[in-house]
PDB file of N, CA and C in Angstrom:
ATOM      1  N   MET A   1      44.477-178.826 -40.279  1.00  0.00           N
ATOM      2  CA  MET A   1      44.612-177.547 -39.672  1.00  0.00           C
ATOM      3  C   MET A   1      44.673-176.469 -40.706  1.00  0.00           C
ATOM      4  N   PRO A   2      43.965-175.393 -40.513  1.00  0.00           N
ATOM      5  CA  PRO A   2      44.071-174.330 -41.493  1.00  0.00           C
ATOM      6  C   PRO A   2      45.398-173.565 -41.468  1.00  0.00           C
ATOM      7  N   LYS A   3      45.731-173.069 -42.586  1.00  0.00           N
ATOM      8  CA  LYS A   3      46.965-172.250 -42.685  1.00  0.00           C
ATOM      9  C   LYS A   3      46.771-170.894 -42.283  1.00  0.00           C
ATOM     10  N   SER A   4      47.811-170.350 -41.606  1.00  0.00           N
ATOM     11  CA  SER A   4      47.686-168.971 -41.117  1.00  0.00           C
ATOM     12  C   SER A   4      47.939-168.079 -42.296  1.00  0.00           C
ATOM     13  N   ARG A   5      47.344-166.872 -42.180  1.00  0.00           N
ATOM     14  CA  ARG A   5      47.695-165.900 -43.290  1.00  0.00           C
ATOM     15  C   ARG A   5      49.003-165.375 -43.137  1.00  0.00           C
ATOM     16  N   GLN A   6      49.662-165.176 -44.358  1.00  0.00           N
ATOM     17  CA  GLN A   6      51.031-164.656 -44.527  1.00  0.00           C
ATOM     18  C   GLN A   6      50.955-163.145 -44.433  1.00  0.00           C
ATOM     19  N   ARG A   7      51.934-162.485 -43.896  1.00  0.00           N
ATOM     20  CA  ARG A   7      52.040-161.101 -43.851  1.00  0.00           C
ATOM     21  C   ARG A   7      52.198-160.512 -45.361  1.00  0.00           C
ATOM     22  N   SER A   8      51.663-159.475 -45.506  1.00  0.00           N
ATOM     23  CA  SER A   8      51.887-158.844 -46.876  1.00  0.00           C
ATOM     24  C   SER A   8      53.157-158.137 -46.829  1.00  0.00           C
ATOM     25  N   LYS A   9      53.883-158.324 -47.959  1.00  0.00           N
ATOM     26  CA  LYS A   9      55.168-157.637 -48.061  1.00  0.00           C
ATOM     27  C   LYS A   9      55.005-156.075 -48.307  1.00  0.00           C
ATOM     28  N   ARG A  10      55.824-155.411 -47.531  1.00  0.00           N
ATOM     29  CA  ARG A  10      55.903-153.987 -47.671  1.00  0.00           C
ATOM     30  C   ARG A  10      56.444-153.535 -48.998  1.00  0.00           C
ATOM     31  N   THR A  11      56.097-152.432 -49.360  1.00  0.00           N
ATOM     32  CA  THR A  11      56.782-151.831 -50.632  1.00  0.00           C
ATOM     33  C   THR A  11      58.126-151.482 -50.208  1.00  0.00           C
ATOM     34  N   SER A  12      59.009-151.491 -51.118  1.00  0.00           N
ATOM     35  CA  SER A  12      60.423-151.207 -50.735  1.00  0.00           C
ATOM     36  C   SER A  12      60.677-149.728 -50.598  1.00  0.00           C
ATOM     37  N   ARG A  13      60.637-149.209 -49.361  1.00  0.00           N
ATOM     38  CA  ARG A  13      60.925-147.847 -49.055  1.00  0.00           C
ATOM     39  C   ARG A  13      62.384-147.764 -48.601  1.00  0.00           C
ATOM     40  N   SER A  14      63.017-146.863 -49.109  1.00  0.00           N
ATOM     41  CA  SER A  14      64.452-146.703 -48.636  1.00  0.00           C
ATOM     42  C   SER A  14      64.404-145.842 -47.344  1.00  0.00           C
ATOM     43  N   TYR A  15      65.350-146.073 -46.561  1.00  0.00           N
ATOM     44  CA  TYR A  15      65.406-145.422 -45.272  1.00  0.00           C
ATOM     45  C   TYR A  15      66.041-143.977 -45.473  1.00  0.00           C
ATOM     46  N   VAL A  16      65.330-142.947 -45.008  1.00  0.00           N
ATOM     47  CA  VAL A  16      65.826-141.643 -45.127  1.00  0.00           C
ATOM     48  C   VAL A  16      66.245-141.131 -43.817  1.00  0.00           C
ATOM     49  N   ALA A  17      67.550-140.783 -43.638  1.00  0.00           N
ATOM     50  CA  ALA A  17      68.094-140.343 -42.397  1.00  0.00           C
ATOM     51  C   ALA A  17      67.628-138.916 -42.100  1.00  0.00           C
ATOM     52  N   PRO A  18      67.403-138.613 -40.828  1.00  0.00           N
ATOM     53  CA  PRO A  18      66.996-137.244 -40.530  1.00  0.00           C
ATOM     54  C   PRO A  18      68.083-136.287 -40.839  1.00  0.00           C
ATOM     55  N   PRO A  19      67.877-134.996 -41.172  1.00  0.00           N
ATOM     56  CA  PRO A  19      68.782-134.089 -41.535  1.00  0.00           C
ATOM     57  C   PRO A  19      69.790-133.858 -40.380  1.00  0.00           C
ATOM     58  N   THR A  20      71.034-133.678 -40.713  1.00  0.00           N
ATOM     59  CA  THR A  20      72.037-133.512 -39.661  1.00  0.00           C
ATOM     60  C   THR A  20      71.970-131.972 -39.181  1.00  0.00           C
ATOM     61  N   LYS A  21      72.220-131.824 -37.829  1.00  0.00           N
ATOM     62  CA  LYS A  21      72.245-130.564 -37.301  1.00  0.00           C
ATOM     63  C   LYS A  21      73.516-129.864 -37.641  1.00  0.00           C
ATOM     64  N   ALA A  22      73.356-128.553 -37.815  1.00  0.00           N
ATOM     65  CA  ALA A  22      74.473-127.771 -38.269  1.00  0.00           C
ATOM     66  C   ALA A  22      75.473-127.536 -37.044  1.00  0.00           C
ATOM     67  N   LYS A  23      76.773-127.650 -37.218  1.00  0.00           N
ATOM     68  CA  LYS A  23      77.641-127.421 -36.147  1.00  0.00           C
ATOM     69  C   LYS A  23      77.667-125.917 -35.722  1.00  0.00           C
ATOM     70  N   PRO A  24      77.663-125.729 -34.357  1.00  0.00           N
ATOM     71  CA  PRO A  24      77.714-124.362 -33.974  1.00  0.00           C
ATOM     72  C   PRO A  24      79.040-123.726 -34.364  1.00  0.00           C
ATOM     73  N   LYS A  25      79.138-122.366 -34.576  1.00  0.00           N
ATOM     74  CA  LYS A  25      80.265-121.725 -34.932  1.00  0.00           C
ATOM     75  C   LYS A  25      81.296-121.687 -33.771  1.00  0.00           C
ATOM     76  N   PRO A  26      82.567-121.792 -34.104  1.00  0.00           N
ATOM     77  CA  PRO A  26      83.547-121.721 -32.972  1.00  0.00           C
ATOM     78  C   PRO A  26      83.516-120.233 -32.350  1.00  0.00           C
ATOM     79  N   SER A  27      83.880-120.202 -31.001  1.00  0.00           N
ATOM     80  CA  SER A  27      84.024-118.940 -30.468  1.00  0.00           C
ATOM     81  C   SER A  27      85.129-118.132 -30.963  1.00  0.00           C
ATOM     82  N   PRO A  28      85.027-116.784 -30.927  1.00  0.00           N
ATOM     83  CA  PRO A  28      86.171-115.890 -31.379  1.00  0.00           C
ATOM     84  C   PRO A  28      87.430-116.194 -30.595  1.00  0.00           C
ATOM     85  N   ARG A  29      88.545-115.814 -30.992  1.00  0.00           N
ATOM     86  CA  ARG A  29      89.742-116.107 -30.277  1.00  0.00           C
ATOM     87  C   ARG A  29      89.906-115.363 -29.040  1.00  0.00           C
ATOM     88  N   TRP A  30      89.278-114.238 -28.925  1.00  0.00           N
ATOM     89  CA  TRP A  30      89.281-113.399 -27.715  1.00  0.00           C
ATOM     90  C   TRP A  30      88.459-113.972 -26.578  1.00  0.00           C
ATOM     91  N   TYR A  31      87.513-114.826 -26.838  1.00  0.00           N
ATOM     92  CA  TYR A  31      86.550-115.238 -25.882  1.00  0.00           C
ATOM     93  C   TYR A  31      87.157-116.012 -24.734  1.00  0.00           C
ATOM     94  N   GLY A  32      88.074-116.825 -24.994  1.00  0.00           N
ATOM     95  CA  GLY A  32      88.791-117.520 -23.845  1.00  0.00           C
ATOM     96  C   GLY A  32      89.512-116.620 -22.959  1.00  0.00           C
ATOM     97  N   PHE A  33      90.066-115.526 -23.480  1.00  0.00           N
ATOM     98  CA  PHE A  33      90.783-114.545 -22.670  1.00  0.00           C
ATOM     99  C   PHE A  33      89.757-113.818 -21.853  1.00  0.00           C
ATOM    100  N   PHE A  34      88.551-113.500 -22.402  1.00  0.00           N
ATOM    101  CA  PHE A  34      87.491-112.814 -21.726  1.00  0.00           C
ATOM    102  C   PHE A  34      87.081-113.656 -20.558  1.00  0.00           C
ATOM    103  N   VAL A  35      86.928-114.942 -20.758  1.00  0.00           N
ATOM    104  CA  VAL A  35      86.425-115.822 -19.577  1.00  0.00           C
ATOM    105  C   VAL A  35      87.400-115.807 -18.449  1.00  0.00           C
ATOM    106  N   LEU A  36      88.746-116.032 -18.889  1.00  0.00           N
ATOM    107  CA  LEU A  36      89.759-115.953 -17.834  1.00  0.00           C
ATOM    108  C   LEU A  36      89.959-114.667 -17.161  1.00  0.00           C
ATOM    109  N   GLY A  37      89.694-113.560 -17.947  1.00  0.00           N
ATOM    110  CA  GLY A  37      89.712-112.262 -17.338  1.00  0.00           C
ATOM    111  C   GLY A  37      88.657-111.951 -16.318  1.00  0.00           C
ATOM    112  N   LEU A  38      87.402-112.497 -16.612  1.00  0.00           N
ATOM    113  CA  LEU A  38      86.327-112.372 -15.664  1.00  0.00           C
ATOM    114  C   LEU A  38      86.647-113.107 -14.400  1.00  0.00           C
ATOM    115  N   ILE A  39      87.073-114.287 -14.492  1.00  0.00           N
ATOM    116  CA  ILE A  39      87.408-115.104 -13.311  1.00  0.00           C
ATOM    117  C   ILE A  39      88.482-114.499 -12.440  1.00  0.00           C
ATOM    118  N   LEU A  40      89.569-114.031 -13.176  1.00  0.00           N
ATOM    119  CA  LEU A  40      90.685-113.435 -12.446  1.00  0.00           C
ATOM    120  C   LEU A  40      90.292-112.092 -11.816  1.00  0.00           C
ATOM    121  N   LEU A  41      89.453-111.300 -12.564  1.00  0.00           N
ATOM    122  CA  LEU A  41      88.952-110.064 -12.031  1.00  0.00           C
ATOM    123  C   LEU A  41      88.117-110.298 -10.715  1.00  0.00           C
ATOM    124  N   GLY A  42      87.384-111.290 -10.688  1.00  0.00           N
ATOM    125  CA  GLY A  42      86.568-111.625  -9.465  1.00  0.00           C
ATOM    126  C   GLY A  42      87.485-112.066  -8.330  1.00  0.00           C
ATOM    127  N   VAL A  43      88.494-112.808  -8.653  1.00  0.00           N
ATOM    128  CA  VAL A  43      89.412-113.198  -7.553  1.00  0.00           C
ATOM    129  C   VAL A  43      90.300-111.997  -6.979  1.00  0.00           C
ATOM    130  N   LEU A  44      90.577-111.128  -7.930  1.00  0.00           N
ATOM    131  CA  LEU A  44      91.222-109.877  -7.514  1.00  0.00           C
ATOM    132  C   LEU A  44      90.411-109.040  -6.655  1.00  0.00           C
ATOM    133  N   ILE A  45      89.154-108.789  -6.987  1.00  0.00           N
ATOM    134  CA  ILE A  45      88.253-108.108  -6.147  1.00  0.00           C
ATOM    135  C   ILE A  45      88.144-108.541  -4.735  1.00  0.00           C
ATOM    136  N   ILE A  46      88.073-109.900  -4.666  1.00  0.00           N
ATOM    137  CA  ILE A  46      87.937-110.444  -3.286  1.00  0.00           C
ATOM    138  C   ILE A  46      89.202-110.322  -2.568  1.00  0.00           C
ATOM    139  N   VAL A  47      90.490-110.489  -3.150  1.00  0.00           N
ATOM    140  CA  VAL A  47      91.662-110.360  -2.538  1.00  0.00           C
ATOM    141  C   VAL A  47      91.942-108.952  -2.088  1.00  0.00           C
ATOM    142  N   LEU A  48      91.702-107.995  -2.992  1.00  0.00           N
ATOM    143  CA  LEU A  48      91.846-106.643  -2.624  1.00  0.00           C
ATOM    144  C   LEU A  48      90.848-106.156  -1.600  1.00  0.00           C
ATOM    145  N   ASN A  49      89.720-106.720  -1.485  1.00  0.00           N
ATOM    146  CA  ASN A  49      88.808-106.379  -0.377  1.00  0.00           C
ATOM    147  C   ASN A  49      89.411-106.779   0.882  1.00  0.00           C
ATOM    148  N   TYR A  50      89.880-107.982   1.010  1.00  0.00           N
ATOM    149  CA  TYR A  50      90.426-108.492   2.256  1.00  0.00           C
ATOM    150  C   TYR A  50      91.779-107.953   2.665  1.00  0.00           C
ATOM    151  N   ALA A  51      92.471-107.381   1.609  1.00  0.00           N
ATOM    152  CA  ALA A  51      93.740-106.701   1.874  1.00  0.00           C
ATOM    153  C   ALA A  51      93.531-105.220   2.170  1.00  0.00           C
ATOM    154  N   ASN A  52      92.336-104.800   2.171  1.00  0.00           N
ATOM    155  CA  ASN A  52      91.899-103.378   2.462  1.00  0.00           C
ATOM    156  C   ASN A  52      92.450-102.426   1.465  1.00  0.00           C
ATOM    157  N   PHE A  53      92.520-102.736   0.257  1.00  0.00           N
ATOM    158  CA  PHE A  53      92.902-101.833  -0.857  1.00  0.00           C
ATOM    159  C   PHE A  53      91.778-101.237  -1.684  1.00  0.00           C
ATOM    160  N   LEU A  54      90.576-101.699  -1.498  1.00  0.00           N
ATOM    161  CA  LEU A  54      89.438-101.196  -2.272  1.00  0.00           C
ATOM    162  C   LEU A  54      88.979 -99.854  -1.768  1.00  0.00           C
ATOM    163  N   LEU A  55      88.507 -99.886  -0.510  1.00  0.00           N
ATOM    164  CA  LEU A  55      88.091 -98.693   0.132  1.00  0.00           C
ATOM    165  C   LEU A  55      88.461 -98.724   1.546  1.00  0.00           C
ATOM    166  N   PRO A  56      88.835 -97.578   2.097  1.00  0.00           N
ATOM    167  CA  PRO A  56      89.272 -97.508   3.444  1.00  0.00           C
ATOM    168  C   PRO A  56      87.981 -97.842   4.358  1.00  0.00           C
ATOM    169  N   GLY A  57      88.293 -98.365   5.509  1.00  0.00           N
ATOM    170  CA  GLY A  57      87.250 -98.619   6.424  1.00  0.00           C
ATOM    171  C   GLY A  57      87.078-100.163   6.694  1.00  0.00           C
ATOM    172  N   GLY A  58      87.952-100.912   6.273  1.00  0.00           N
ATOM    173  CA  GLY A  58      87.886-102.402   6.496  1.00  0.00           C
ATOM    174  C   GLY A  58      87.156-103.150   5.351  1.00  0.00           C
ATOM    175  N   THR A  59      87.091-104.457   5.638  1.00  0.00           N
ATOM    176  CA  THR A  59      86.455-105.301   4.486  1.00  0.00           C
ATOM    177  C   THR A  59      84.971-105.096   4.590  1.00  0.00           C
ATOM    178  N   GLN A  60      84.371-105.166   3.451  1.00  0.00           N
ATOM    179  CA  GLN A  60      82.880-104.992   3.338  1.00  0.00           C
ATOM    180  C   GLN A  60      82.317-106.198   2.566  1.00  0.00           C
ATOM    181  N   GLN A  61      81.200-106.589   3.091  1.00  0.00           N
ATOM    182  CA  GLN A  61      80.640-107.799   2.483  1.00  0.00           C
ATOM    183  C   GLN A  61      80.178-107.723   1.108  1.00  0.00           C
ATOM    184  N   HIS A  62      79.652-106.619   0.667  1.00  0.00           N
ATOM    185  CA  HIS A  62      79.218-106.501  -0.668  1.00  0.00           C
ATOM    186  C   HIS A  62      80.306-106.648  -1.727  1.00  0.00           C
ATOM    187  N   TRP A  63      81.577-106.399  -1.445  1.00  0.00           N
ATOM    188  CA  TRP A  63      82.618-106.617  -2.284  1.00  0.00           C
ATOM    189  C   TRP A  63      82.871-108.077  -2.491  1.00  0.00           C
ATOM    190  N   LEU A  64      82.651-108.900  -1.457  1.00  0.00           N
ATOM    191  CA  LEU A  64      82.751-110.310  -1.647  1.00  0.00           C
ATOM    192  C   LEU A  64      81.622-110.807  -2.621  1.00  0.00           C
ATOM    193  N   TRP A  65      80.468-110.327  -2.488  1.00  0.00           N
ATOM    194  CA  TRP A  65      79.379-110.806  -3.383  1.00  0.00           C
ATOM    195  C   TRP A  65      79.606-110.353  -4.814  1.00  0.00           C
ATOM    196  N   ILE A  66      80.150-109.159  -4.907  1.00  0.00           N
ATOM    197  CA  ILE A  66      80.445-108.618  -6.249  1.00  0.00           C
ATOM    198  C   ILE A  66      81.537-109.501  -6.916  1.00  0.00           C
ATOM    199  N   GLY A  67      82.512-109.860  -6.182  1.00  0.00           N
ATOM    200  CA  GLY A  67      83.600-110.722  -6.665  1.00  0.00           C
ATOM    201  C   GLY A  67      83.119-112.074  -7.068  1.00  0.00           C
ATOM    202  N   LEU A  68      82.276-112.662  -6.128  1.00  0.00           N
ATOM    203  CA  LEU A  68      81.666-113.997  -6.460  1.00  0.00           C
ATOM    204  C   LEU A  68      80.701-113.890  -7.695  1.00  0.00           C
ATOM    205  N   GLY A  69      80.070-112.684  -7.835  1.00  0.00           N
ATOM    206  CA  GLY A  69      79.177-112.596  -8.990  1.00  0.00           C
ATOM    207  C   GLY A  69      80.047-112.541 -10.251  1.00  0.00           C
ATOM    208  N   VAL A  70      81.070-111.880 -10.265  1.00  0.00           N
ATOM    209  CA  VAL A  70      81.989-111.764 -11.469  1.00  0.00           C
ATOM    210  C   VAL A  70      82.670-113.171 -11.814  1.00  0.00           C
ATOM    211  N   ILE A  71      82.965-113.879 -10.766  1.00  0.00           N
ATOM    212  CA  ILE A  71      83.460-115.194 -10.949  1.00  0.00           C
ATOM    213  C   ILE A  71      82.340-116.183 -11.614  1.00  0.00           C
ATOM    214  N   GLY A  72      81.142-116.014 -11.036  1.00  0.00           N
ATOM    215  CA  GLY A  72      80.043-116.754 -11.580  1.00  0.00           C
ATOM    216  C   GLY A  72      79.744-116.402 -13.021  1.00  0.00           C
ATOM    217  N   ALA A  73      79.930-115.136 -13.379  1.00  0.00           N
ATOM    218  CA  ALA A  73      79.679-114.834 -14.755  1.00  0.00           C
ATOM    219  C   ALA A  73      80.711-115.376 -15.609  1.00  0.00           C
ATOM    220  N   GLY A  74      81.972-115.458 -15.161  1.00  0.00           N
ATOM    221  CA  GLY A  74      83.060-116.155 -15.850  1.00  0.00           C
ATOM    222  C   GLY A  74      82.647-117.559 -16.121  1.00  0.00           C
ATOM    223  N   PHE A  75      82.167-118.300 -15.125  1.00  0.00           N
ATOM    224  CA  PHE A  75      81.848-119.689 -15.321  1.00  0.00           C
ATOM    225  C   PHE A  75      80.671-119.846 -16.347  1.00  0.00           C
ATOM    226  N   VAL A  76      79.659-118.931 -16.215  1.00  0.00           N
ATOM    227  CA  VAL A  76      78.596-119.019 -17.187  1.00  0.00           C
ATOM    228  C   VAL A  76      79.144-118.797 -18.559  1.00  0.00           C
ATOM    229  N   ALA A  77      79.975-117.794 -18.776  1.00  0.00           N
ATOM    230  CA  ALA A  77      80.621-117.512 -20.120  1.00  0.00           C
ATOM    231  C   ALA A  77      81.436-118.747 -20.533  1.00  0.00           C
ATOM    232  N   ALA A  78      82.042-119.412 -19.611  1.00  0.00           N
ATOM    233  CA  ALA A  78      82.832-120.542 -20.051  1.00  0.00           C
ATOM    234  C   ALA A  78      82.029-121.691 -20.577  1.00  0.00           C
ATOM    235  N   THR A  79      80.700-121.831 -20.146  1.00  0.00           N
ATOM    236  CA  THR A  79      79.821-122.781 -20.651  1.00  0.00           C
ATOM    237  C   THR A  79      79.428-122.553 -22.057  1.00  0.00           C
ATOM    238  N   ARG A  80      79.492-121.342 -22.511  1.00  0.00           N
ATOM    239  CA  ARG A  80      79.122-121.005 -23.910  1.00  0.00           C
ATOM    240  C   ARG A  80      80.343-121.020 -24.919  1.00  0.00           C
ATOM    241  N   TRP A  81      81.502-121.349 -24.381  1.00  0.00           N
ATOM    242  CA  TRP A  81      82.705-121.448 -25.194  1.00  0.00           C
ATOM    243  C   TRP A  81      82.688-122.601 -26.139  1.00  0.00           C
ATOM    244  N   ARG A  82      82.857-122.511 -27.425  1.00  0.00           N
ATOM    245  CA  ARG A  82      82.913-123.658 -28.330  1.00  0.00           C
ATOM    246  C   ARG A  82      84.290-123.828 -28.825  1.00  0.00           C
TER     247      ARG A  82
END
């Protein structure tokens, strides 16, 4: 029976690891307070709307949407916090 051909040996290449990614800079100290402030401001807008303190004439739907938008902006800002 004929002999099978042997694999040729590779040249000795050393493994080179890919460059590591740079760590993102930490957020400034005030950024956490900014996020909490946005969320609390949105809640305050909604509560004041339903307590009839924003504008006379009863509750208005656009203040609810503004409050929810401010809360949403606070959550979006929270995802960028490092």
